[in-house]
C-alpha atoms as a PDB file:
ATOM      1  CA  MET A   1       0.876  11.402 -25.360  1.00  0.00           C
ATOM      2  CA  THR A   2      -0.092   8.939 -27.978  1.00  0.00           C
ATOM      3  CA  ASP A   3       0.301   5.141 -27.979  1.00  0.00           C
ATOM      4  CA  SER A   4       3.011   5.669 -30.754  1.00  0.00           C
ATOM      5  CA  ALA A   5       4.658   8.375 -28.727  1.00  0.00           C
ATOM      6  CA  ILE A   6       5.057   5.886 -25.321  1.00  0.00           C
ATOM      7  CA  GLN A   7       8.469   4.966 -24.852  1.00  0.00           C
ATOM      8  CA  LYS A   8       9.310   1.194 -24.568  1.00  0.00           C
ATOM      9  CA  SER A   9       9.938   0.741 -20.861  1.00  0.00           C
ATOM     10  CA  PRO A  10      12.847  -1.510 -19.756  1.00  0.00           C
ATOM     11  CA  ILE A  11      11.793  -4.837 -18.388  1.00  0.00           C
ATOM     12  CA  TRP A  12      12.864  -4.261 -14.857  1.00  0.00           C
ATOM     13  CA  PHE A  13      10.218  -1.724 -14.911  1.00  0.00           C
ATOM     14  CA  ILE A  14       7.613  -4.461 -15.213  1.00  0.00           C
ATOM     15  CA  VAL A  15       9.282  -6.951 -13.048  1.00  0.00           C
ATOM     16  CA  VAL A  16       9.085  -4.367 -10.206  1.00  0.00           C
ATOM     17  CA  GLY A  17       5.440  -3.331 -11.017  1.00  0.00           C
ATOM     18  CA  ILE A  18       4.548  -7.067 -10.614  1.00  0.00           C
ATOM     19  CA  LEU A  19       6.621  -7.517  -7.495  1.00  0.00           C
ATOM     20  CA  ALA A  20       4.571  -4.471  -5.846  1.00  0.00           C
ATOM     21  CA  LEU A  21       1.261  -5.992  -7.074  1.00  0.00           C
ATOM     22  CA  ILE A  22       2.143  -9.085  -5.184  1.00  0.00           C
ATOM     23  CA  TRP A  23       3.271  -6.937  -1.981  1.00  0.00           C
ATOM     24  CA  ASN A  24       0.061  -5.099  -2.167  1.00  0.00           C
ATOM     25  CA  ILE A  25      -1.867  -8.199  -2.487  1.00  0.00           C
ATOM     26  CA  ILE A  26      -0.267  -9.517   0.715  1.00  0.00           C
ATOM     27  CA  GLY A  27      -1.265  -6.589   2.042  1.00  0.00           C
ATOM     28  CA  ILE A  28      -4.807  -7.021   1.343  1.00  0.00           C
ATOM     29  CA  MET A  29      -4.605 -10.163   2.766  1.00  0.00           C
ATOM     30  CA  ALA A  30      -3.466  -8.738   5.831  1.00  0.00           C
ATOM     31  CA  TYR A  31      -6.062  -6.030   6.031  1.00  0.00           C
ATOM     32  CA  ILE A  32      -8.801  -8.685   5.371  1.00  0.00           C
ATOM     33  CA  SER A  33      -7.418 -11.094   8.019  1.00  0.00           C
ATOM     34  CA  GLN A  34      -7.464  -8.236  10.790  1.00  0.00           C
ATOM     35  CA  ALA A  35     -10.552  -6.247   9.852  1.00  0.00           C
ATOM     36  CA  TYR A  36     -12.790  -9.431   9.413  1.00  0.00           C
ATOM     37  CA  MET A  37     -11.111 -11.392  12.400  1.00  0.00           C
ATOM     38  CA  SER A  38     -13.760 -13.318  14.205  1.00  0.00           C
ATOM     39  CA  GLU A  39     -14.688 -13.196  17.771  1.00  0.00           C
ATOM     40  CA  GLU A  40     -13.780 -16.620  18.259  1.00  0.00           C
ATOM     41  CA  LEU A  41     -10.061 -15.716  17.136  1.00  0.00           C
ATOM     42  CA  ILE A  42      -9.891 -12.360  19.036  1.00  0.00           C
ATOM     43  CA  ALA A  43     -10.717 -14.301  22.074  1.00  0.00           C
ATOM     44  CA  GLN A  44      -7.899 -16.406  21.681  1.00  0.00           C
ATOM     45  CA  LEU A  45      -5.484 -13.136  21.596  1.00  0.00           C
ATOM     46  CA  PRO A  46      -3.576 -12.574  24.801  1.00  0.00           C
ATOM     47  CA  GLU A  47      -5.495  -9.890  26.511  1.00  0.00           C
ATOM     48  CA  ALA A  48      -3.506  -7.001  25.322  1.00  0.00           C
ATOM     49  CA  ASP A  49      -3.933  -7.530  21.925  1.00  0.00           C
ATOM     50  CA  GLN A  50      -7.494  -8.060  22.354  1.00  0.00           C
ATOM     51  CA  GLN A  51      -7.807  -4.460  23.901  1.00  0.00           C
ATOM     52  CA  LEU A  52      -5.436  -3.294  21.368  1.00  0.00           C
ATOM     53  CA  PHE A  53      -8.249  -4.571  18.408  1.00  0.00           C
ATOM     54  CA  ALA A  54     -11.309  -3.222  20.260  1.00  0.00           C
ATOM     55  CA  ASN A  55      -9.772   0.237  20.525  1.00  0.00           C
ATOM     56  CA  LEU A  56      -8.429   0.495  17.127  1.00  0.00           C
ATOM     57  CA  PRO A  57     -10.342   3.726  15.586  1.00  0.00           C
ATOM     58  CA  THR A  58     -12.655   3.151  12.386  1.00  0.00           C
ATOM     59  CA  TRP A  59     -10.573   5.748  10.534  1.00  0.00           C
ATOM     60  CA  TYR A  60      -7.156   3.504  11.189  1.00  0.00           C
ATOM     61  CA  THR A  61      -9.047   0.513   9.525  1.00  0.00           C
ATOM     62  CA  GLY A  62     -10.048   2.898   6.633  1.00  0.00           C
ATOM     63  CA  ALA A  63      -6.734   4.233   6.446  1.00  0.00           C
ATOM     64  CA  PHE A  64      -5.386   0.408   5.964  1.00  0.00           C
ATOM     65  CA  ALA A  65      -8.276  -0.393   3.159  1.00  0.00           C
ATOM     66  CA  ILE A  66      -7.192   2.581   1.263  1.00  0.00           C
ATOM     67  CA  ALA A  67      -3.612   2.252   1.611  1.00  0.00           C
ATOM     68  CA  VAL A  68      -3.817  -1.772   0.458  1.00  0.00           C
ATOM     69  CA  PHE A  69      -6.160  -1.339  -2.312  1.00  0.00           C
ATOM     70  CA  ALA A  70      -5.246   1.814  -3.836  1.00  0.00           C
ATOM     71  CA  GLY A  71      -1.727   0.401  -3.620  1.00  0.00           C
ATOM     72  CA  THR A  72      -2.743  -2.545  -5.363  1.00  0.00           C
ATOM     73  CA  LEU A  73      -4.635  -0.944  -8.172  1.00  0.00           C
ATOM     74  CA  GLY A  74      -1.932   1.602  -8.762  1.00  0.00           C
ATOM     75  CA  SER A  75       0.658  -1.435  -8.769  1.00  0.00           C
ATOM     76  CA  LEU A  76      -1.834  -2.777 -11.487  1.00  0.00           C
ATOM     77  CA  ALA A  77      -1.984   0.554 -13.416  1.00  0.00           C
ATOM     78  CA  LEU A  78       2.217   0.515 -13.076  1.00  0.00           C
ATOM     79  CA  VAL A  79       2.088  -3.031 -14.727  1.00  0.00           C
ATOM     80  CA  MET A  80      -0.257  -1.525 -17.519  1.00  0.00           C
ATOM     81  CA  LYS A  81       1.713   1.497 -17.744  1.00  0.00           C
ATOM     82  CA  LYS A  82      -1.120   4.083 -16.825  1.00  0.00           C
ATOM     83  CA  LYS A  83      -0.710   7.439 -15.490  1.00  0.00           C
ATOM     84  CA  TRP A  84      -3.108   7.017 -12.937  1.00  0.00           C
ATOM     85  CA  ALA A  85      -0.972   4.955 -11.065  1.00  0.00           C
ATOM     86  CA  ILE A  86       0.851   8.025  -9.725  1.00  0.00           C
ATOM     87  CA  THR A  87      -2.704   9.109  -8.309  1.00  0.00           C
ATOM     88  CA  LEU A  88      -3.404   5.432  -6.758  1.00  0.00           C
ATOM     89  CA  LEU A  89       0.042   5.227  -5.366  1.00  0.00           C
ATOM     90  CA  LEU A  90       0.087   8.707  -3.787  1.00  0.00           C
ATOM     91  CA  ALA A  91      -3.398   7.809  -2.187  1.00  0.00           C
ATOM     92  CA  SER A  92      -1.631   4.521  -0.919  1.00  0.00           C
ATOM     93  CA  LEU A  93       0.850   6.310   0.431  1.00  0.00           C
ATOM     94  CA  ILE A  94      -0.833   9.278   2.430  1.00  0.00           C
ATOM     95  CA  ALA A  95      -3.207   6.275   3.989  1.00  0.00           C
ATOM     96  CA  ALA A  96      -0.309   4.340   4.940  1.00  0.00           C
ATOM     97  CA  VAL A  97       1.873   7.248   6.267  1.00  0.00           C
ATOM     98  CA  ALA A  98      -1.461   8.163   8.254  1.00  0.00           C
ATOM     99  CA  GLN A  99      -1.780   4.206   9.510  1.00  0.00           C
ATOM    100  CA  MET A 100       1.801   4.025  10.608  1.00  0.00           C
ATOM    101  CA  SER A 101       1.943   7.391  12.289  1.00  0.00           C
ATOM    102  CA  TYR A 102      -0.775   6.053  14.632  1.00  0.00           C
ATOM    103  CA  LEU A 103       1.014   2.937  15.439  1.00  0.00           C
ATOM    104  CA  THR A 104       3.827   4.542  15.625  1.00  0.00           C
ATOM    105  CA  PHE A 105       3.266   7.796  17.442  1.00  0.00           C
ATOM    106  CA  VAL A 106      -0.073   6.734  19.441  1.00  0.00           C
ATOM    107  CA  LEU A 107       0.348   3.070  20.117  1.00  0.00           C
ATOM    108  CA  LYS A 108       4.248   2.818  20.364  1.00  0.00           C
ATOM    109  CA  MET A 109       4.499   0.113  18.371  1.00  0.00           C
ATOM    110  CA  ALA A 110       6.849   1.056  15.404  1.00  0.00           C
ATOM    111  CA  ASN A 111       8.870  -1.659  14.313  1.00  0.00           C
ATOM    112  CA  THR A 112      10.936  -2.404  10.867  1.00  0.00           C
ATOM    113  CA  MET A 113       7.707  -3.309   8.896  1.00  0.00           C
ATOM    114  CA  THR A 114       6.364   0.352   9.902  1.00  0.00           C
ATOM    115  CA  ALA A 115       9.303   1.919   8.204  1.00  0.00           C
ATOM    116  CA  LEU A 116       9.421  -0.329   5.501  1.00  0.00           C
ATOM    117  CA  VAL A 117       5.501   0.162   4.298  1.00  0.00           C
ATOM    118  CA  VAL A 118       6.387   3.718   4.104  1.00  0.00           C
ATOM    119  CA  ILE A 119       9.632   3.411   2.481  1.00  0.00           C
ATOM    120  CA  ILE A 120       7.972   0.881  -0.225  1.00  0.00           C
ATOM    121  CA  GLY A 121       5.361   3.234  -0.970  1.00  0.00           C
ATOM    122  CA  PHE A 122       7.751   6.169  -1.455  1.00  0.00           C
ATOM    123  CA  ALA A 123       9.588   4.308  -3.554  1.00  0.00           C
ATOM    124  CA  LEU A 124       6.618   3.535  -5.588  1.00  0.00           C
ATOM    125  CA  VAL A 125       5.137   7.202  -5.965  1.00  0.00           C
ATOM    126  CA  LEU A 126       8.689   7.922  -7.028  1.00  0.00           C
ATOM    127  CA  LEU A 127       8.802   5.089  -9.525  1.00  0.00           C
ATOM    128  CA  ALA A 128       5.667   6.002 -10.819  1.00  0.00           C
ATOM    129  CA  LYS A 129       6.788   9.810 -11.343  1.00  0.00           C
ATOM    130  CA  SER A 130       9.659   8.788 -12.889  1.00  0.00           C
ATOM    131  CA  ALA A 131       8.398   6.559 -15.473  1.00  0.00           C
ATOM    132  CA  ASN A 132       5.630   8.891 -16.539  1.00  0.00           C
ATOM    133  CA  ASN A 133       8.966  11.724 -17.277  1.00  0.00           C
ATOM    134  CA  ARG A 134      10.369   9.010 -19.335  1.00  0.00           C
ATOM    135  CA  GLY A 135       7.333   8.596 -21.114  1.00  0.00           C
ATOM    136  CA  TRP A 136       6.684   5.318 -20.127  1.00  0.00           C
ATOM    137  CA  LEU A 137       3.386   5.588 -18.664  1.00  0.00           C
ATOM    138  CA  SER A 138       0.362   6.762 -20.998  1.00  0.00           C
END
C-alpha cells in the first residue's frame, strides 16, 4: 500500500499508541531495576525475596527484556503507523505470556498486574491487526 493509499487514523489511535508507549517504557524501567539490582539492594530485601531473585532462571529475565523492549518498539511503531508493529507486539505478548506463566504456575505469585500485563499485550496486538486491516498502517 502506498503512502497515498493509507487511511487517516482517528486521533484516539495515536493517543492509545502514546499510552502504550508510556506503559512499555515503565516496563523497561521495571526490567532495568530488577535485572541490574545491586548486591547491596538485594541484601536489604526479605530473605524470601533474596532467594527468589537468586533462583530466577536466565530465560525468565530474557523473556522480561523481550517483552518490554519489543513492546516499546511495537508501540512506537503504532504511533508511527507502521505494519511492523504487529510483529513486535506479538513477540512482546509471547514473551510476556512466558514470563507471567512462570510467575503464575511455577512461583504461584499471580496477582492483578500479572493478568493486566497479558491483557494489555493481547489488546495491543488486536489493535495493531485491526489498524492494519483498516488501512491505518503502512
